[in-house]
C-alpha atoms as a PDB file:
ATOM      1  CA  MET A   1       0.000   0.000   0.000  1.00  0.00           C
ATOM      2  CA  SER A   2       0.981   3.565  -0.518  1.00  0.00           C
ATOM      3  CA  ASN A   3       2.314   5.739   2.264  1.00  0.00           C
ATOM      4  CA  GLU A   4       0.260   8.646   0.972  1.00  0.00           C
ATOM      5  CA  PRO A   5      -2.276  10.048   3.447  1.00  0.00           C
ATOM      6  CA  VAL A   6      -5.940   9.482   2.684  1.00  0.00           C
ATOM      7  CA  ALA A   7      -7.057  12.467   4.780  1.00  0.00           C
ATOM      8  CA  TYR A   8      -5.892  15.100   7.272  1.00  0.00           C
ATOM      9  CA  LEU A   9      -7.029  15.642  10.845  1.00  0.00           C
ATOM     10  CA  TRP A  10      -7.684  19.236  11.934  1.00  0.00           C
ATOM     11  CA  GLN A  11      -8.548  20.511  15.438  1.00  0.00           C
ATOM     12  CA  HIS A  12     -10.196  23.740  16.549  1.00  0.00           C
ATOM     13  CA  SER A  13      -8.016  25.577  19.071  1.00  0.00           C
ATOM     14  CA  GLU A  14     -10.912  26.898  21.158  1.00  0.00           C
ATOM     15  CA  THR A  15     -13.528  24.138  21.144  1.00  0.00           C
ATOM     16  CA  GLY A  16     -11.316  21.099  20.630  1.00  0.00           C
ATOM     17  CA  ARG A  17     -13.600  19.860  17.843  1.00  0.00           C
ATOM     18  CA  THR A  18     -11.882  17.824  15.182  1.00  0.00           C
ATOM     19  CA  ARG A  19     -12.601  17.380  11.517  1.00  0.00           C
ATOM     20  CA  VAL A  20     -11.294  14.954   8.966  1.00  0.00           C
ATOM     21  CA  VAL A  21     -10.649  16.447   5.570  1.00  0.00           C
ATOM     22  CA  MET A  22     -10.190  14.038   2.686  1.00  0.00           C
ATOM     23  CA  THR A  23      -7.302  14.767   0.339  1.00  0.00           C
ATOM     24  CA  ASP A  24      -9.662  15.666  -2.520  1.00  0.00           C
ATOM     25  CA  GLN A  25     -11.828  17.968  -0.384  1.00  0.00           C
ATOM     26  CA  ILE A  26     -11.568  21.744  -0.320  1.00  0.00           C
ATOM     27  CA  VAL A  27     -12.419  23.219   3.070  1.00  0.00           C
ATOM     28  CA  SER A  28     -11.979  26.755   4.263  1.00  0.00           C
ATOM     29  CA  THR A  29     -10.510  27.231   7.729  1.00  0.00           C
ATOM     30  CA  ASP A  30      -9.562  30.223   9.809  1.00  0.00           C
ATOM     31  CA  ASP A  31      -6.566  30.675  12.070  1.00  0.00           C
ATOM     32  CA  ARG A  32      -8.314  28.794  14.904  1.00  0.00           C
ATOM     33  CA  TRP A  33      -8.043  25.477  13.064  1.00  0.00           C
ATOM     34  CA  PHE A  34      -4.716  23.667  13.330  1.00  0.00           C
ATOM     35  CA  LEU A  35      -3.479  20.719  11.338  1.00  0.00           C
ATOM     36  CA  VAL A  36      -2.951  17.745  13.669  1.00  0.00           C
ATOM     37  CA  GLY A  37      -1.500  15.488  10.994  1.00  0.00           C
ATOM     38  CA  PRO A  38      -2.052  13.136   8.093  1.00  0.00           C
ATOM     39  CA  LEU A  39      -4.216  10.010   8.327  1.00  0.00           C
ATOM     40  CA  HIS A  40      -3.116   6.769   6.660  1.00  0.00           C
ATOM     41  CA  LEU A  41      -4.905   3.499   5.991  1.00  0.00           C
ATOM     42  CA  ASP A  42      -1.744   1.636   6.992  1.00  0.00           C
ATOM     43  CA  PRO A  43       0.772   3.001   9.439  1.00  0.00           C
ATOM     44  CA  ALA A  44       3.652   4.522   7.555  1.00  0.00           C
ATOM     45  CA  PRO A  45       6.832   2.531   8.130  1.00  0.00           C
ATOM     46  CA  ASP A  46       9.356   4.373  10.279  1.00  0.00           C
ATOM     47  CA  ASP A  47      12.614   4.010   8.369  1.00  0.00           C
ATOM     48  CA  THR A  48      14.378   6.205  10.915  1.00  0.00           C
ATOM     49  CA  ALA A  49      13.654   4.045  13.981  1.00  0.00           C
ATOM     50  CA  LEU A  50      16.710   1.763  13.774  1.00  0.00           C
ATOM     51  CA  PRO A  51      19.242   4.562  13.092  1.00  0.00           C
ATOM     52  CA  ARG A  52      17.736   6.635  15.915  1.00  0.00           C
ATOM     53  CA  LEU A  53      17.928   3.692  18.308  1.00  0.00           C
ATOM     54  CA  LEU A  54      21.524   2.965  17.315  1.00  0.00           C
ATOM     55  CA  ARG A  55      22.416   6.623  17.934  1.00  0.00           C
ATOM     56  CA  ILE A  56      20.864   6.439  21.416  1.00  0.00           C
ATOM     57  CA  MET A  57      22.647   3.162  22.079  1.00  0.00           C
ATOM     58  CA  GLY A  58      25.927   4.811  21.172  1.00  0.00           C
ATOM     59  CA  THR A  59      25.583   6.969  24.256  1.00  0.00           C
ATOM     60  CA  PHE A  60      25.688   3.771  26.309  1.00  0.00           C
ATOM     61  CA  ASP A  61      28.948   2.755  24.622  1.00  0.00           C
ATOM     62  CA  LEU A  62      27.605  -0.581  23.435  1.00  0.00           C
ATOM     63  CA  THR A  63      29.917  -2.855  21.532  1.00  0.00           C
ATOM     64  CA  THR A  64      27.078  -3.922  19.238  1.00  0.00           C
ATOM     65  CA  GLY A  65      26.196  -0.485  17.930  1.00  0.00           C
ATOM     66  CA  HIS A  66      25.890  -1.985  14.457  1.00  0.00           C
ATOM     67  CA  ALA A  67      22.734  -4.085  14.900  1.00  0.00           C
ATOM     68  CA  SER A  68      21.092  -5.060  11.654  1.00  0.00           C
ATOM     69  CA  THR A  69      17.535  -5.422  12.944  1.00  0.00           C
ATOM     70  CA  MET A  70      15.353  -3.617  15.454  1.00  0.00           C
ATOM     71  CA  ASP A  71      15.048  -6.812  17.535  1.00  0.00           C
ATOM     72  CA  GLU A  72      18.826  -7.147  17.849  1.00  0.00           C
ATOM     73  CA  ALA A  73      19.194  -3.490  18.788  1.00  0.00           C
ATOM     74  CA  LEU A  74      16.362  -3.593  21.329  1.00  0.00           C
ATOM     75  CA  ASP A  75      17.679  -6.797  22.927  1.00  0.00           C
ATOM     76  CA  GLU A  76      21.101  -5.229  23.391  1.00  0.00           C
ATOM     77  CA  LEU A  77      19.663  -1.968  24.690  1.00  0.00           C
ATOM     78  CA  GLU A  78      17.380  -3.809  27.120  1.00  0.00           C
ATOM     79  CA  SER A  79      20.341  -5.745  28.508  1.00  0.00           C
ATOM     80  CA  GLU A  80      22.398  -2.592  28.939  1.00  0.00           C
ATOM     81  CA  LEU A  81      19.525  -0.684  30.552  1.00  0.00           C
ATOM     82  CA  ARG A  82      18.904  -3.511  33.026  1.00  0.00           C
ATOM     83  CA  ASP A  83      22.544  -3.333  34.045  1.00  0.00           C
ATOM     84  CA  VAL A  84      22.488   0.459  34.405  1.00  0.00           C
ATOM     85  CA  LEU A  85      19.169   0.497  36.266  1.00  0.00           C
ATOM     86  CA  GLY A  86      20.292  -2.330  38.528  1.00  0.00           C
ATOM     87  CA  HIS A  87      23.258  -0.265  39.711  1.00  0.00           C
ATOM     88  CA  TYR A  88      21.055   2.797  40.107  1.00  0.00           C
ATOM     89  CA  ARG A  89      18.412   0.949  42.112  1.00  0.00           C
ATOM     90  CA  ALA A  90      21.055  -0.678  44.299  1.00  0.00           C
ATOM     91  CA  ALA A  91      22.396   2.776  45.147  1.00  0.00           C
ATOM     92  CA  LYS A  92      18.980   4.136  46.173  1.00  0.00           C
ATOM     93  CA  PRO A  93      18.592   4.422  49.939  1.00  0.00           C
ATOM     94  CA  ASP A  94      16.217   2.001  51.617  1.00  0.00           C
ATOM     95  CA  ASP A  95      13.368   3.979  53.136  1.00  0.00           C
ATOM     96  CA  THR A  96      11.820   1.077  55.050  1.00  0.00           C
ATOM     97  CA  ALA A  97      12.932   2.373  58.473  1.00  0.00           C
ATOM     98  CA  LEU A  98      11.449   5.802  57.790  1.00  0.00           C
ATOM     99  CA  LEU A  99       8.185   4.284  56.560  1.00  0.00           C
ATOM    100  CA  ARG A 100       7.966   2.072  59.668  1.00  0.00           C
ATOM    101  CA  GLN A 101       8.550   5.111  61.876  1.00  0.00           C
ATOM    102  CA  ALA A 102       5.771   7.019  60.106  1.00  0.00           C
ATOM    103  CA  LEU A 103       3.481   3.989  60.454  1.00  0.00           C
ATOM    104  CA  GLU A 104       4.147   3.762  64.193  1.00  0.00           C
ATOM    105  CA  VAL A 105       3.465   7.470  64.701  1.00  0.00           C
ATOM    106  CA  LEU A 106       0.218   7.353  62.749  1.00  0.00           C
ATOM    107  CA  GLU A 107      -0.892   4.203  64.560  1.00  0.00           C
ATOM    108  CA  SER A 108      -0.311   5.934  67.901  1.00  0.00           C
ATOM    109  CA  VAL A 109      -2.310   9.006  66.813  1.00  0.00           C
ATOM    110  CA  TYR A 110      -5.159   7.280  64.981  1.00  0.00           C
ATOM    111  CA  PRO A 111      -7.197   6.248  68.073  1.00  0.00           C
ATOM    112  CA  TYR A 112      -7.548   9.934  68.989  1.00  0.00           C
ATOM    113  CA  THR A 113      -8.445  11.411  65.583  1.00  0.00           C
ATOM    114  CA  ASP A 114     -12.123  10.601  66.087  1.00  0.00           C
ATOM    115  CA  SER A 115     -12.239  13.211  68.857  1.00  0.00           C
ATOM    116  CA  LEU A 116     -11.436  15.915  66.315  1.00  0.00           C
ATOM    117  CA  ILE A 117     -14.597  15.256  64.326  1.00  0.00           C
ATOM    118  CA  CYS A 118     -17.525  17.643  64.692  1.00  0.00           C
ATOM    119  CA  TYR A 119     -20.469  15.459  63.697  1.00  0.00           C
ATOM    120  CA  ALA A 120     -22.704  18.507  63.292  1.00  0.00           C
ATOM    121  CA  SER A 121     -20.497  19.985  60.545  1.00  0.00           C
ATOM    122  CA  THR A 122     -19.226  19.100  57.118  1.00  0.00           C
ATOM    123  CA  VAL A 123     -15.552  18.999  56.176  1.00  0.00           C
ATOM    124  CA  ASP A 124     -15.979  22.367  54.447  1.00  0.00           C
ATOM    125  CA  GLU A 125     -17.345  23.889  57.641  1.00  0.00           C
ATOM    126  CA  HIS A 126     -14.883  22.095  59.953  1.00  0.00           C
ATOM    127  CA  PRO A 127     -11.686  21.005  58.092  1.00  0.00           C
ATOM    128  CA  PRO A 128     -10.405  18.820  60.982  1.00  0.00           C
ATOM    129  CA  ASN A 129     -13.253  16.417  60.106  1.00  0.00           C
ATOM    130  CA  ALA A 130     -11.021  15.158  57.277  1.00  0.00           C
ATOM    131  CA  ILE A 131      -8.105  14.246  59.537  1.00  0.00           C
ATOM    132  CA  ASP A 132      -9.535  10.901  60.680  1.00  0.00           C
ATOM    133  CA  GLY A 133     -10.018   9.673  57.103  1.00  0.00           C
ATOM    134  CA  ASN A 134      -6.677  11.074  55.942  1.00  0.00           C
ATOM    135  CA  VAL A 135      -4.815   9.277  58.739  1.00  0.00           C
ATOM    136  CA  ARG A 136      -6.695   6.032  57.994  1.00  0.00           C
ATOM    137  CA  ASP A 137      -5.816   6.313  54.276  1.00  0.00           C
ATOM    138  CA  ALA A 138      -2.156   7.022  55.084  1.00  0.00           C
ATOM    139  CA  LEU A 139      -2.037   3.996  57.398  1.00  0.00           C
ATOM    140  CA  THR A 140      -3.481   1.790  54.674  1.00  0.00           C
ATOM    141  CA  ALA A 141      -0.982   3.073  52.092  1.00  0.00           C
ATOM    142  CA  LEU A 142       1.965   2.607  54.447  1.00  0.00           C
ATOM    143  CA  ARG A 143       0.900  -0.929  55.354  1.00  0.00           C
ATOM    144  CA  GLU A 144       0.562  -1.835  51.670  1.00  0.00           C
ATOM    145  CA  ARG A 145       3.945  -0.331  50.836  1.00  0.00           C
ATOM    146  CA  LEU A 146       5.696  -2.066  53.728  1.00  0.00           C
ATOM    147  CA  GLY A 147       3.903  -5.313  52.894  1.00  0.00           C
ATOM    148  CA  GLU A 148       5.541  -5.225  49.468  1.00  0.00           C
ATOM    149  CA  LYS A 149       8.980  -4.753  50.978  1.00  0.00           C
ATOM    150  CA  THR A 150       8.797  -7.522  53.575  1.00  0.00           C
END
């Protein structure tokens, strides 16, 4: 199939409305209509993908910077990225102790948050009404996060 577009997609800058204009159509537009791009029946092949990927891979100093297929290049890049990310993740500090400390503090406070609630008022009228739910949600999130780490 041909890589020629069959139509063009336009979008109105104020309303967000879109229109599809076929290649043989004549449509008048003002400066509020912007061309989004061409529309194809088949996706146009990206002949620049492999050279672009090889250029990016060159920044990682890979020995196989001359891959002949996208699969070869992606496999090599994936391997290199796993190695780089593994070192990065190993260097990240473990925040488990800090999360446990926050959990303990919130658990010690939570039994008393109910006393802050004014049952005659909404949260908009009495903002401390939200504290009980916020502390409960934070406790749940911390427990889930620590459960993943242990």
